C-alpha atoms as a PDB file:
ATOM      1  CA  PHE A   1     -25.676   1.603   4.638  1.00  0.00           C
ATOM      2  CA  ARG A   2     -22.437   2.171   2.771  1.00  0.00           C
ATOM      3  CA  ARG A   3     -21.631   0.076  -0.267  1.00  0.00           C
ATOM      4  CA  LEU A   4     -18.026  -1.074  -0.279  1.00  0.00           C
ATOM      5  CA  ILE A   5     -16.152  -0.945  -3.550  1.00  0.00           C
ATOM      6  CA  MET A   6     -13.094  -3.099  -3.059  1.00  0.00           C
ATOM      7  CA  GLN A   7     -10.138  -2.388  -5.323  1.00  0.00           C
ATOM      8  CA  LYS A   8      -6.714  -3.937  -5.812  1.00  0.00           C
ATOM      9  CA  LEU A   9      -3.463  -2.023  -6.207  1.00  0.00           C
ATOM     10  CA  THR A  10      -0.094  -3.537  -7.043  1.00  0.00           C
ATOM     11  CA  GLY A  11       3.213  -1.820  -6.378  1.00  0.00           C
ATOM     12  CA  THR A  12       6.044  -1.442  -3.876  1.00  0.00           C
ATOM     13  CA  ILE A  13       5.535  -0.170  -0.333  1.00  0.00           C
ATOM     14  CA  HIS A  14       7.929   2.507   0.925  1.00  0.00           C
ATOM     15  CA  TYR A  15       7.751   4.809   3.923  1.00  0.00           C
ATOM     16  CA  LYS A  16       8.178   8.531   3.337  1.00  0.00           C
ATOM     17  CA  LEU A  17       7.743  11.731   5.300  1.00  0.00           C
ATOM     18  CA  PHE A  18       4.136  12.904   5.631  1.00  0.00           C
ATOM     19  CA  ALA A  19       2.990  16.432   6.596  1.00  0.00           C
ATOM     20  CA  GLU A  20       6.517  17.766   7.107  1.00  0.00           C
ATOM     21  CA  GLY A  21       6.713  20.661   9.555  1.00  0.00           C
ATOM     22  CA  THR A  22       3.309  19.998  11.141  1.00  0.00           C
ATOM     23  CA  LYS A  23       2.116  18.212  14.283  1.00  0.00           C
ATOM     24  CA  SER A  24       1.129  15.295  12.028  1.00  0.00           C
ATOM     25  CA  GLU A  25       4.668  14.852  10.667  1.00  0.00           C
ATOM     26  CA  SER A  26       5.612  11.180  10.585  1.00  0.00           C
ATOM     27  CA  GLN A  27       6.867   8.414   8.328  1.00  0.00           C
ATOM     28  CA  ARG A  28       3.860   6.898   6.560  1.00  0.00           C
ATOM     29  CA  PRO A  29       3.509   3.984   4.140  1.00  0.00           C
ATOM     30  CA  TYR A  30       2.826   4.641   0.473  1.00  0.00           C
ATOM     31  CA  ILE A  31       2.370   2.215  -2.389  1.00  0.00           C
ATOM     32  CA  PHE A  32       4.422   3.227  -5.405  1.00  0.00           C
ATOM     33  CA  LEU A  33       2.645   2.089  -8.558  1.00  0.00           C
ATOM     34  CA  ASP A  34       4.260   1.042 -11.836  1.00  0.00           C
ATOM     35  CA  ASN A  35       2.769   4.103 -13.569  1.00  0.00           C
ATOM     36  CA  GLY A  36       4.712   6.417 -11.229  1.00  0.00           C
ATOM     37  CA  GLY A  37       1.790   7.195  -8.937  1.00  0.00           C
ATOM     38  CA  GLN A  38       1.965   6.911  -5.172  1.00  0.00           C
ATOM     39  CA  ILE A  39      -0.893   6.443  -2.766  1.00  0.00           C
ATOM     40  CA  LEU A  40      -0.973   6.843   1.016  1.00  0.00           C
ATOM     41  CA  LEU A  41      -1.959   3.620   2.787  1.00  0.00           C
ATOM     42  CA  TYR A  42      -3.783   3.038   6.062  1.00  0.00           C
ATOM     43  CA  LYS A  43      -4.796  -0.146   7.824  1.00  0.00           C
ATOM     44  CA  LYS A  44      -7.811  -0.196  10.164  1.00  0.00           C
ATOM     45  CA  GLU A  45      -6.934  -0.145  13.849  1.00  0.00           C
ATOM     46  CA  ASP A  46      -3.295   0.716  13.037  1.00  0.00           C
ATOM     47  CA  ASN A  47      -1.810   3.767  14.752  1.00  0.00           C
ATOM     48  CA  PRO A  48      -1.393   6.278  11.878  1.00  0.00           C
ATOM     49  CA  PHE A  49       1.778   7.663  13.472  1.00  0.00           C
ATOM     50  CA  GLU A  50       3.415   4.213  13.681  1.00  0.00           C
ATOM     51  CA  ASN A  51       1.831   2.175  10.859  1.00  0.00           C
ATOM     52  CA  ASN A  52       3.201  -1.096  12.216  1.00  0.00           C
ATOM     53  CA  GLY A  53       0.879  -3.088   9.946  1.00  0.00           C
ATOM     54  CA  PHE A  54       3.095  -2.260   6.954  1.00  0.00           C
ATOM     55  CA  THR A  55       6.650  -2.497   8.321  1.00  0.00           C
ATOM     56  CA  ALA A  56       7.109  -6.131   7.227  1.00  0.00           C
ATOM     57  CA  TYR A  57       6.339  -5.072   3.640  1.00  0.00           C
ATOM     58  CA  ASP A  58       8.621  -2.016   3.432  1.00  0.00           C
ATOM     59  CA  GLY A  59      10.524  -2.197   0.124  1.00  0.00           C
ATOM     60  CA  LYS A  60       8.557  -5.229  -1.093  1.00  0.00           C
ATOM     61  CA  GLU A  61       6.234  -5.617  -4.047  1.00  0.00           C
ATOM     62  CA  VAL A  62       2.687  -6.328  -2.930  1.00  0.00           C
ATOM     63  CA  THR A  63      -0.932  -6.392  -3.977  1.00  0.00           C
ATOM     64  CA  VAL A  64      -3.207  -4.612  -1.517  1.00  0.00           C
ATOM     65  CA  GLU A  65      -6.966  -4.885  -1.484  1.00  0.00           C
ATOM     66  CA  GLY A  66      -9.204  -2.272   0.074  1.00  0.00           C
ATOM     67  CA  GLU A  67     -11.014   0.955  -0.692  1.00  0.00           C
ATOM     68  CA  PHE A  68     -10.360   4.665  -1.034  1.00  0.00           C
ATOM     69  CA  THR A  69     -11.565   6.661   1.962  1.00  0.00           C
ATOM     70  CA  GLU A  70     -10.978  10.416   2.184  1.00  0.00           C
ATOM     71  CA  GLY A  71      -7.940  10.357  -0.110  1.00  0.00           C
ATOM     72  CA  VAL A  72      -6.287   7.396   1.616  1.00  0.00           C
ATOM     73  CA  PHE A  73      -6.341   3.762   0.524  1.00  0.00           C
ATOM     74  CA  GLU A  74      -7.684   1.772   3.484  1.00  0.00           C
ATOM     75  CA  VAL A  75      -6.123  -1.681   3.230  1.00  0.00           C
ATOM     76  CA  GLU A  76      -8.051  -4.832   4.114  1.00  0.00           C
ATOM     77  CA  THR A  77      -5.515  -7.409   2.872  1.00  0.00           C
ATOM     78  CA  ILE A  78      -1.861  -7.408   1.805  1.00  0.00           C
ATOM     79  CA  LEU A  79      -0.281 -10.094  -0.337  1.00  0.00           C
ATOM     80  CA  GLU A  80       3.466 -10.054  -0.942  1.00  0.00           C
ATOM     81  CA  ILE A  81       4.400 -10.878  -4.531  1.00  0.00           C
ATOM     82  CA  GLN A  82       7.163 -13.453  -4.619  1.00  0.00           C
ATOM     83  CA  PRO A  83       9.853 -12.689  -7.248  1.00  0.00           C
ATOM     84  CA  ASP A  84       9.643 -16.259  -8.604  1.00  0.00           C
ATOM     85  CA  ALA A  85       5.876 -15.989  -9.157  1.00  0.00           C
ATOM     86  CA  LYS A  86       6.289 -12.771 -11.146  1.00  0.00           C
ATOM     87  CA  GLU A  87       8.940 -14.325 -13.405  1.00  0.00           C
ATOM     88  CA  GLU A  88       6.791 -17.398 -14.037  1.00  0.00           C
ATOM     89  CA  ALA A  89       3.799 -15.213 -14.923  1.00  0.00           C
ATOM     90  CA  SER A  90       5.793 -13.186 -17.440  1.00  0.00           C
ATOM     91  CA  GLU A  91       7.258 -16.331 -19.009  1.00  0.00           C
ATOM     92  CA  GLY A  92       3.746 -17.579 -19.785  1.00  0.00           C
ATOM     93  CA  GLU A  93       2.802 -14.347 -21.634  1.00  0.00           C
ATOM     94  CA  ILE A  94       3.060 -14.091 -25.403  1.00  0.00           C
END
């Protein structure tokens, strides 16, 4: 039995070259965090050489929920952050 520790990450998804010069070379999705970090993303049952589960979110700010598995963030859910919602949230802060 494996205990799942679900985490949320918020940032912008961009594709970039992975494993350049190897047989695994491909464009893979990363989430770029506000603190400058970037984390490789994977979605269950998605072909890791195509990553079609993320193409609709390329260049968009999102919150992903999932868990870290072997250095990759395995995504369970993706929620696109609407620009209007972000502005409204910051207006309510003091």
